[in-house]
């Protein structure tokens, strides 16, 4: 402590040593405050940053994906992320299913919903199906929205 303390006078103290720096801002203090504020801002917006990063990755991945071919529709769907545990395209591939996979306009719309709304494949497929039902006059409960429809129920 004696090496830091100014020993020239009787009333000198630890704070007298720093008297010549009064009013000056040290560079390392400015950098420290800058990095602390940056860390707080990044932490606060971490969810928005993660979502933006995912959208960028998806956009970049779709830009460099292969063009769809007629021969292996399910394989293209699987490579483009259009599969899940509840909609398992891998099983169709392993069974050598000869169908062409999902419809092209449905694929594009589901991928657009996934990218824009940041949804999983199942959620985007559900939202797409709900849109298709409402566009075709079917309610959320599966009944027609046509007022002239006659239905019979067992109660």
C-alpha atoms as a PDB file:
ATOM      1  CA  UNK A   1       0.000   0.000   0.000  1.00  0.00           C
ATOM      2  CA  UNK A   2       2.913   2.326   0.625  1.00  0.00           C
ATOM      3  CA  UNK A   3       4.010   2.109  -3.036  1.00  0.00           C
ATOM      4  CA  UNK A   4       0.641   3.477  -4.151  1.00  0.00           C
ATOM      5  CA  UNK A   5       0.286   6.086  -1.426  1.00  0.00           C
ATOM      6  CA  UNK A   6       1.879   9.497  -1.886  1.00  0.00           C
ATOM      7  CA  UNK A   7       4.198   9.912   1.092  1.00  0.00           C
ATOM      8  CA  UNK A   8       5.280  13.520   0.551  1.00  0.00           C
ATOM      9  CA  UNK A   9       3.110  15.038   3.222  1.00  0.00           C
ATOM     10  CA  UNK A  10       1.497  14.286   6.517  1.00  0.00           C
ATOM     11  CA  UNK A  11      -2.085  14.645   5.202  1.00  0.00           C
ATOM     12  CA  UNK A  12      -1.596  12.633   2.053  1.00  0.00           C
ATOM     13  CA  UNK A  13      -3.874   9.700   1.434  1.00  0.00           C
ATOM     14  CA  UNK A  14      -4.635   6.997  -1.079  1.00  0.00           C
ATOM     15  CA  UNK A  15      -6.889   9.367  -3.027  1.00  0.00           C
ATOM     16  CA  UNK A  16      -4.170  11.994  -3.433  1.00  0.00           C
ATOM     17  CA  UNK A  17      -2.350   9.582  -5.728  1.00  0.00           C
ATOM     18  CA  UNK A  18      -5.244   9.797  -8.220  1.00  0.00           C
ATOM     19  CA  UNK A  19      -5.681  13.579  -7.977  1.00  0.00           C
ATOM     20  CA  UNK A  20      -3.789  14.194 -11.217  1.00  0.00           C
ATOM     21  CA  UNK A  21      -6.280  12.031 -13.179  1.00  0.00           C
ATOM     22  CA  UNK A  22      -9.325  13.950 -12.005  1.00  0.00           C
ATOM     23  CA  UNK A  23     -11.618  14.843 -14.906  1.00  0.00           C
ATOM     24  CA  UNK A  24      -9.960  12.446 -17.334  1.00  0.00           C
ATOM     25  CA  UNK A  25     -11.760   9.380 -18.642  1.00  0.00           C
ATOM     26  CA  UNK A  26      -9.614   6.307 -18.994  1.00  0.00           C
ATOM     27  CA  UNK A  27      -9.887   4.309 -22.189  1.00  0.00           C
ATOM     28  CA  UNK A  28     -10.240   0.949 -20.501  1.00  0.00           C
ATOM     29  CA  UNK A  29     -13.213   2.250 -18.483  1.00  0.00           C
ATOM     30  CA  UNK A  30     -14.952   3.415 -21.662  1.00  0.00           C
ATOM     31  CA  UNK A  31     -14.335   0.058 -23.338  1.00  0.00           C
ATOM     32  CA  UNK A  32     -15.575  -1.817 -20.286  1.00  0.00           C
ATOM     33  CA  UNK A  33     -18.806   0.206 -20.162  1.00  0.00           C
ATOM     34  CA  UNK A  34     -19.257  -0.225 -23.935  1.00  0.00           C
ATOM     35  CA  UNK A  35     -18.895  -4.017 -23.727  1.00  0.00           C
ATOM     36  CA  UNK A  36     -21.234  -4.255 -20.735  1.00  0.00           C
ATOM     37  CA  UNK A  37     -23.920  -2.230 -22.524  1.00  0.00           C
ATOM     38  CA  UNK A  38     -23.440  -4.290 -25.707  1.00  0.00           C
ATOM     39  CA  UNK A  39     -23.780  -7.530 -23.735  1.00  0.00           C
ATOM     40  CA  UNK A  40     -26.977  -6.299 -22.058  1.00  0.00           C
ATOM     41  CA  UNK A  41     -28.516  -5.240 -25.393  1.00  0.00           C
ATOM     42  CA  UNK A  42     -27.583  -8.550 -27.050  1.00  0.00           C
ATOM     43  CA  UNK A  43     -29.011 -10.497 -24.122  1.00  0.00           C
ATOM     44  CA  UNK A  44     -32.227  -8.474 -24.213  1.00  0.00           C
ATOM     45  CA  UNK A  45     -32.767  -9.057 -27.952  1.00  0.00           C
ATOM     46  CA  UNK A  46     -31.439 -12.642 -28.046  1.00  0.00           C
ATOM     47  CA  UNK A  47     -34.764 -14.164 -29.161  1.00  0.00           C
ATOM     48  CA  UNK A  48     -35.191 -11.684 -32.021  1.00  0.00           C
ATOM     49  CA  UNK A  49     -31.579 -12.192 -33.073  1.00  0.00           C
ATOM     50  CA  UNK A  50     -32.003 -15.983 -33.029  1.00  0.00           C
ATOM     51  CA  UNK A  51     -35.182 -15.760 -35.126  1.00  0.00           C
ATOM     52  CA  UNK A  52     -33.483 -13.452 -37.632  1.00  0.00           C
ATOM     53  CA  UNK A  53     -30.534 -15.844 -37.843  1.00  0.00           C
ATOM     54  CA  UNK A  54     -32.871 -18.795 -38.465  1.00  0.00           C
ATOM     55  CA  UNK A  55     -34.690 -16.896 -41.212  1.00  0.00           C
ATOM     56  CA  UNK A  56     -31.359 -16.014 -42.833  1.00  0.00           C
ATOM     57  CA  UNK A  57     -30.155 -19.633 -42.657  1.00  0.00           C
ATOM     58  CA  UNK A  58     -33.419 -20.940 -44.122  1.00  0.00           C
ATOM     59  CA  UNK A  59     -33.350 -18.380 -46.935  1.00  0.00           C
ATOM     60  CA  UNK A  60     -29.723 -19.153 -47.703  1.00  0.00           C
ATOM     61  CA  UNK A  61     -30.311 -22.912 -47.568  1.00  0.00           C
ATOM     62  CA  UNK A  62     -33.334 -22.710 -49.889  1.00  0.00           C
ATOM     63  CA  UNK A  63     -31.366 -20.590 -52.365  1.00  0.00           C
ATOM     64  CA  UNK A  64     -28.749 -23.315 -52.759  1.00  0.00           C
ATOM     65  CA  UNK A  65     -31.066 -26.309 -52.598  1.00  0.00           C
ATOM     66  CA  UNK A  66     -31.365 -28.637 -55.555  1.00  0.00           C
ATOM     67  CA  UNK A  67     -34.085 -28.116 -58.089  1.00  0.00           C
ATOM     68  CA  UNK A  68     -36.924 -30.592 -57.616  1.00  0.00           C
ATOM     69  CA  UNK A  69     -36.943 -33.550 -59.951  1.00  0.00           C
ATOM     70  CA  UNK A  70     -39.830 -35.768 -60.910  1.00  0.00           C
ATOM     71  CA  UNK A  71     -37.975 -38.962 -60.038  1.00  0.00           C
ATOM     72  CA  UNK A  72     -37.502 -38.532 -56.290  1.00  0.00           C
ATOM     73  CA  UNK A  73     -40.199 -36.231 -54.917  1.00  0.00           C
ATOM     74  CA  UNK A  74     -40.141 -37.546 -51.359  1.00  0.00           C
ATOM     75  CA  UNK A  75     -36.351 -37.270 -51.176  1.00  0.00           C
ATOM     76  CA  UNK A  76     -36.542 -33.619 -52.222  1.00  0.00           C
ATOM     77  CA  UNK A  77     -39.231 -32.982 -49.622  1.00  0.00           C
ATOM     78  CA  UNK A  78     -37.075 -34.594 -46.933  1.00  0.00           C
ATOM     79  CA  UNK A  79     -34.016 -32.536 -47.946  1.00  0.00           C
ATOM     80  CA  UNK A  80     -36.074 -29.334 -47.838  1.00  0.00           C
ATOM     81  CA  UNK A  81     -37.221 -30.013 -44.271  1.00  0.00           C
ATOM     82  CA  UNK A  82     -40.781 -30.947 -45.201  1.00  0.00           C
ATOM     83  CA  UNK A  83     -40.961 -33.897 -42.824  1.00  0.00           C
ATOM     84  CA  UNK A  84     -41.495 -34.527 -39.122  1.00  0.00           C
ATOM     85  CA  UNK A  85     -42.157 -37.379 -36.726  1.00  0.00           C
ATOM     86  CA  UNK A  86     -45.906 -37.088 -37.372  1.00  0.00           C
ATOM     87  CA  UNK A  87     -45.498 -36.699 -41.156  1.00  0.00           C
ATOM     88  CA  UNK A  88     -42.704 -39.202 -41.812  1.00  0.00           C
ATOM     89  CA  UNK A  89     -41.578 -39.052 -45.427  1.00  0.00           C
ATOM     90  CA  UNK A  90     -38.562 -41.234 -44.634  1.00  0.00           C
ATOM     91  CA  UNK A  91     -40.893 -44.229 -44.407  1.00  0.00           C
ATOM     92  CA  UNK A  92     -42.173 -43.534 -47.931  1.00  0.00           C
ATOM     93  CA  UNK A  93     -38.600 -43.391 -49.218  1.00  0.00           C
ATOM     94  CA  UNK A  94     -37.613 -46.648 -47.502  1.00  0.00           C
ATOM     95  CA  UNK A  95     -40.708 -48.374 -48.966  1.00  0.00           C
ATOM     96  CA  UNK A  96     -39.749 -47.142 -52.474  1.00  0.00           C
ATOM     97  CA  UNK A  97     -43.018 -45.252 -52.814  1.00  0.00           C
ATOM     98  CA  UNK A  98     -43.438 -44.190 -56.461  1.00  0.00           C
ATOM     99  CA  UNK A  99     -45.639 -41.147 -55.783  1.00  0.00           C
ATOM    100  CA  UNK A 100     -44.292 -37.680 -56.531  1.00  0.00           C
ATOM    101  CA  UNK A 101     -44.455 -36.312 -52.984  1.00  0.00           C
ATOM    102  CA  UNK A 102     -46.274 -33.177 -51.916  1.00  0.00           C
ATOM    103  CA  UNK A 103     -47.871 -30.895 -54.496  1.00  0.00           C
ATOM    104  CA  UNK A 104     -45.463 -28.205 -55.700  1.00  0.00           C
ATOM    105  CA  UNK A 105     -47.736 -25.255 -54.843  1.00  0.00           C
ATOM    106  CA  UNK A 106     -48.405 -26.748 -51.389  1.00  0.00           C
ATOM    107  CA  UNK A 107     -44.665 -27.167 -50.781  1.00  0.00           C
ATOM    108  CA  UNK A 108     -43.965 -23.563 -51.730  1.00  0.00           C
ATOM    109  CA  UNK A 109     -46.790 -22.216 -49.559  1.00  0.00           C
ATOM    110  CA  UNK A 110     -45.794 -24.336 -46.538  1.00  0.00           C
ATOM    111  CA  UNK A 111     -42.138 -23.267 -46.896  1.00  0.00           C
ATOM    112  CA  UNK A 112     -43.252 -19.627 -47.134  1.00  0.00           C
ATOM    113  CA  UNK A 113     -45.336 -20.008 -43.954  1.00  0.00           C
ATOM    114  CA  UNK A 114     -42.395 -21.689 -42.190  1.00  0.00           C
ATOM    115  CA  UNK A 115     -40.022 -18.860 -43.145  1.00  0.00           C
ATOM    116  CA  UNK A 116     -42.344 -15.903 -42.542  1.00  0.00           C
ATOM    117  CA  UNK A 117     -43.982 -17.100 -39.321  1.00  0.00           C
ATOM    118  CA  UNK A 118     -40.965 -18.995 -37.950  1.00  0.00           C
ATOM    119  CA  UNK A 119     -43.028 -22.168 -37.484  1.00  0.00           C
ATOM    120  CA  UNK A 120     -42.126 -25.838 -37.532  1.00  0.00           C
ATOM    121  CA  UNK A 121     -43.197 -28.009 -40.457  1.00  0.00           C
ATOM    122  CA  UNK A 122     -46.169 -29.478 -38.552  1.00  0.00           C
ATOM    123  CA  UNK A 123     -47.403 -26.044 -37.444  1.00  0.00           C
ATOM    124  CA  UNK A 124     -47.021 -24.595 -40.953  1.00  0.00           C
ATOM    125  CA  UNK A 125     -48.780 -27.611 -42.502  1.00  0.00           C
ATOM    126  CA  UNK A 126     -51.649 -27.218 -39.992  1.00  0.00           C
ATOM    127  CA  UNK A 127     -51.952 -23.490 -40.760  1.00  0.00           C
ATOM    128  CA  UNK A 128     -51.900 -24.223 -44.511  1.00  0.00           C
ATOM    129  CA  UNK A 129     -54.631 -26.875 -44.119  1.00  0.00           C
ATOM    130  CA  UNK A 130     -56.788 -24.467 -42.084  1.00  0.00           C
ATOM    131  CA  UNK A 131     -56.394 -21.825 -44.814  1.00  0.00           C
ATOM    132  CA  UNK A 132     -57.378 -24.325 -47.499  1.00  0.00           C
ATOM    133  CA  UNK A 133     -60.452 -25.436 -45.542  1.00  0.00           C
ATOM    134  CA  UNK A 134     -61.620 -21.860 -44.933  1.00  0.00           C
ATOM    135  CA  UNK A 135     -61.064 -20.949 -48.607  1.00  0.00           C
ATOM    136  CA  UNK A 136     -63.233 -23.921 -49.605  1.00  0.00           C
ATOM    137  CA  UNK A 137     -66.088 -23.107 -47.225  1.00  0.00           C
ATOM    138  CA  UNK A 138     -65.352 -25.565 -44.421  1.00  0.00           C
ATOM    139  CA  UNK A 139     -65.414 -24.483 -40.770  1.00  0.00           C
ATOM    140  CA  UNK A 140     -62.788 -25.294 -38.132  1.00  0.00           C
ATOM    141  CA  UNK A 141     -64.983 -28.097 -36.804  1.00  0.00           C
ATOM    142  CA  UNK A 142     -65.198 -29.687 -40.278  1.00  0.00           C
ATOM    143  CA  UNK A 143     -68.769 -28.704 -41.079  1.00  0.00           C
ATOM    144  CA  UNK A 144     -69.632 -26.773 -44.243  1.00  0.00           C
ATOM    145  CA  UNK A 145     -70.145 -23.026 -43.837  1.00  0.00           C
ATOM    146  CA  UNK A 146     -72.867 -22.976 -46.501  1.00  0.00           C
ATOM    147  CA  UNK A 147     -76.116 -21.792 -44.828  1.00  0.00           C
ATOM    148  CA  UNK A 148     -78.156 -24.146 -47.033  1.00  0.00           C
ATOM    149  CA  UNK A 149     -76.364 -27.227 -45.718  1.00  0.00           C
ATOM    150  CA  UNK A 150     -78.525 -29.781 -43.936  1.00  0.00           C
ATOM    151  CA  UNK A 151     -76.788 -32.027 -41.401  1.00  0.00           C
ATOM    152  CA  UNK A 152     -78.145 -34.768 -39.176  1.00  0.00           C
ATOM    153  CA  UNK A 153     -76.679 -35.504 -35.793  1.00  0.00           C
ATOM    154  CA  UNK A 154     -77.251 -38.236 -33.223  1.00  0.00           C
ATOM    155  CA  UNK A 155     -77.808 -36.775 -29.773  1.00  0.00           C
END
